[in-house]
Amino acid sequence: MRILHTMLRVGDLARSIRFYQDVLGMRLLRTSENPEYQYSLAFLGYDDEDKTAVIELTYNWGVSEYELGTAYGHIAIGVDDIYATCEAVRQAGGKITREPGPVKGGKTVIAFVEDPDGYKIEFIENKMANAGLGN
């Protein structure tokens, strides 16, 4: 078994696709429309779906926003240089919500960015990605 994708409901599919492509550097892998049930899907990732887990963006026609609730945490992405990545995100118009630095109670360097719908995305430096965050 393996994780195939993580689905996020979004209020504006084109806006979210632009964010994941232009700010986070993902590729748009495929899209589909379902007029009968009034939703559209977009799958984005850093590699093909048969090689890695991807993000599925779901737009339910006519729904422009969602309550994120208290259960959702974040999606984590490994990066080589967290400081350069955060600067590139800023330059592309992304919103850094936690500047790079060690996780509370540990040494792993992390940062957070927020997508247009308010979902949190954590960056973890690759050299520490396999370590426990509290280590």
Protein backbone atom coordinates (compact mmCIF):
# COMPACT_ATOMS: atom_id res chain seq x y z
CA MET A 1 0.00 0.00 0.00
CA ARG A 2 0.98 3.63 -0.44
CA ILE A 3 -0.60 7.06 -0.06
CA LEU A 4 -1.97 8.19 -3.44
CA HIS A 5 -3.14 11.73 -2.77
CA THR A 6 -4.42 14.23 -0.22
CA MET A 7 -7.67 15.99 -1.15
CA LEU A 8 -8.36 19.62 -0.30
CA ARG A 9 -11.65 21.39 -1.03
CA VAL A 10 -11.01 24.80 -2.56
CA GLY A 11 -13.16 27.85 -3.25
CA ASP A 12 -11.54 28.92 -6.53
CA LEU A 13 -9.90 26.14 -8.54
CA ALA A 14 -7.95 28.38 -10.92
CA ARG A 15 -6.54 30.44 -8.02
CA SER A 16 -5.50 27.30 -6.14
CA ILE A 17 -3.90 25.73 -9.22
CA ARG A 18 -1.88 28.92 -9.72
CA PHE A 19 -0.71 28.81 -6.09
CA TYR A 20 0.41 25.19 -6.17
CA GLN A 21 2.11 25.68 -9.56
CA ASP A 22 3.57 29.18 -9.30
CA VAL A 23 4.30 29.41 -5.57
CA LEU A 24 5.08 25.79 -4.63
CA GLY A 25 6.43 24.64 -8.00
CA MET A 26 4.11 21.67 -8.54
CA ARG A 27 3.02 20.43 -11.96
CA LEU A 28 -0.62 20.17 -12.99
CA LEU A 29 -0.94 16.45 -13.74
CA ARG A 30 -4.59 16.17 -14.77
CA THR A 31 -8.03 17.70 -14.40
CA SER A 32 -11.58 16.41 -14.70
CA GLU A 33 -15.11 17.78 -14.62
CA ASN A 34 -18.25 16.09 -13.36
CA PRO A 35 -21.25 18.16 -14.53
CA GLU A 36 -23.79 15.67 -13.16
CA TYR A 37 -22.52 16.10 -9.58
CA GLN A 38 -21.18 19.63 -10.13
CA TYR A 39 -17.54 19.36 -9.14
CA SER A 40 -14.13 19.76 -10.77
CA LEU A 41 -10.84 18.11 -9.82
CA ALA A 42 -7.20 19.01 -10.36
CA PHE A 43 -4.25 16.80 -9.41
CA LEU A 44 -0.86 18.43 -8.81
CA GLY A 45 2.49 17.12 -7.67
CA TYR A 46 6.25 17.12 -7.99
CA ASP A 47 6.30 13.88 -9.97
CA ASP A 48 3.87 11.54 -11.70
CA GLU A 49 1.14 9.91 -9.64
CA ASP A 50 2.60 6.44 -10.10
CA LYS A 51 5.82 7.60 -8.39
CA THR A 52 4.72 9.84 -5.53
CA ALA A 53 1.74 11.11 -3.55
CA VAL A 54 0.02 14.18 -5.02
CA ILE A 55 -2.53 16.84 -4.05
CA GLU A 56 -6.12 16.59 -5.29
CA LEU A 57 -7.92 19.93 -5.37
CA THR A 58 -11.71 19.58 -5.39
CA TYR A 59 -13.94 22.48 -6.39
CA ASN A 60 -17.62 21.96 -5.62
CA TRP A 61 -19.39 24.30 -8.01
CA GLY A 62 -20.82 27.37 -6.31
CA VAL A 63 -18.96 26.89 -3.00
CA SER A 64 -16.43 29.69 -2.51
CA GLU A 65 -15.12 28.89 0.98
CA TYR A 66 -14.98 26.24 3.69
CA GLU A 67 -14.52 26.15 7.44
CA LEU A 68 -11.22 24.37 7.93
CA GLY A 69 -12.12 23.06 11.37
CA THR A 70 -9.76 22.17 14.17
CA ALA A 71 -8.76 18.67 13.04
CA TYR A 72 -6.73 19.62 9.94
CA GLY A 73 -3.05 20.21 10.67
CA HIS A 74 -0.87 20.64 7.60
CA ILE A 75 0.81 19.04 4.61
CA ALA A 76 4.60 18.74 4.90
CA ILE A 77 7.02 19.30 2.01
CA GLY A 78 10.75 18.61 2.19
CA VAL A 79 13.00 21.37 0.85
CA ASP A 80 16.77 21.61 0.41
CA ASP A 81 17.19 25.24 1.54
CA ILE A 82 14.32 26.45 3.70
CA TYR A 83 15.45 30.09 3.68
CA ALA A 84 15.71 30.24 -0.13
CA THR A 85 12.40 28.41 -0.46
CA CYS A 86 10.62 30.89 1.80
CA GLU A 87 12.11 33.81 -0.10
CA ALA A 88 10.98 32.29 -3.42
CA VAL A 89 7.48 31.81 -1.98
CA ARG A 90 7.41 35.46 -0.87
CA GLN A 91 8.61 36.64 -4.29
CA ALA A 92 5.85 34.58 -5.95
CA GLY A 93 3.21 36.22 -3.74
CA GLY A 94 2.88 33.43 -1.15
CA LYS A 95 2.14 34.08 2.51
CA ILE A 96 4.74 32.81 5.01
CA THR A 97 2.94 32.36 8.34
CA ARG A 98 5.94 31.06 10.32
CA GLU A 99 9.44 32.14 9.46
CA PRO A 100 12.15 29.46 9.24
CA GLY A 101 13.58 28.33 12.53
CA PRO A 102 13.88 25.37 14.86
CA VAL A 103 10.71 23.60 15.93
CA LYS A 104 9.76 24.26 19.55
CA GLY A 105 11.66 21.82 21.71
CA GLY A 106 13.88 20.54 18.89
CA LYS A 107 16.48 21.29 16.24
CA THR A 108 14.60 20.51 13.01
CA VAL A 109 14.25 23.71 10.95
CA ILE A 110 10.70 24.30 9.75
CA ALA A 111 8.55 27.08 8.27
CA PHE A 112 4.90 27.42 7.27
CA VAL A 113 3.13 28.89 4.26
CA GLU A 114 -0.62 29.27 3.81
CA ASP A 115 -2.47 28.51 0.57
CA PRO A 116 -5.28 30.77 -0.75
CA ASP A 117 -7.93 28.78 1.14
CA GLY A 118 -6.05 28.93 4.45
CA TYR A 119 -4.55 25.43 4.43
CA LYS A 120 -1.18 25.26 6.19
CA ILE A 121 1.82 23.78 4.41
CA GLU A 122 4.94 23.03 6.40
CA PHE A 123 8.42 23.15 4.91
CA ILE A 124 11.01 20.88 6.54
CA GLU A 125 14.65 20.95 5.51
CA ASN A 126 15.40 17.64 3.78
CA LYS A 127 18.51 17.02 5.86
CA MET A 128 16.23 16.79 8.93
CA ALA A 129 13.06 15.42 7.30
CA ASN A 130 13.49 11.91 8.69
CA ALA A 131 14.23 13.06 12.23
CA GLY A 132 11.48 13.40 14.78
CA LEU A 133 10.53 17.07 15.16
CA GLY A 134 11.26 16.97 18.87
CA ASN A 135 14.73 15.49 18.33
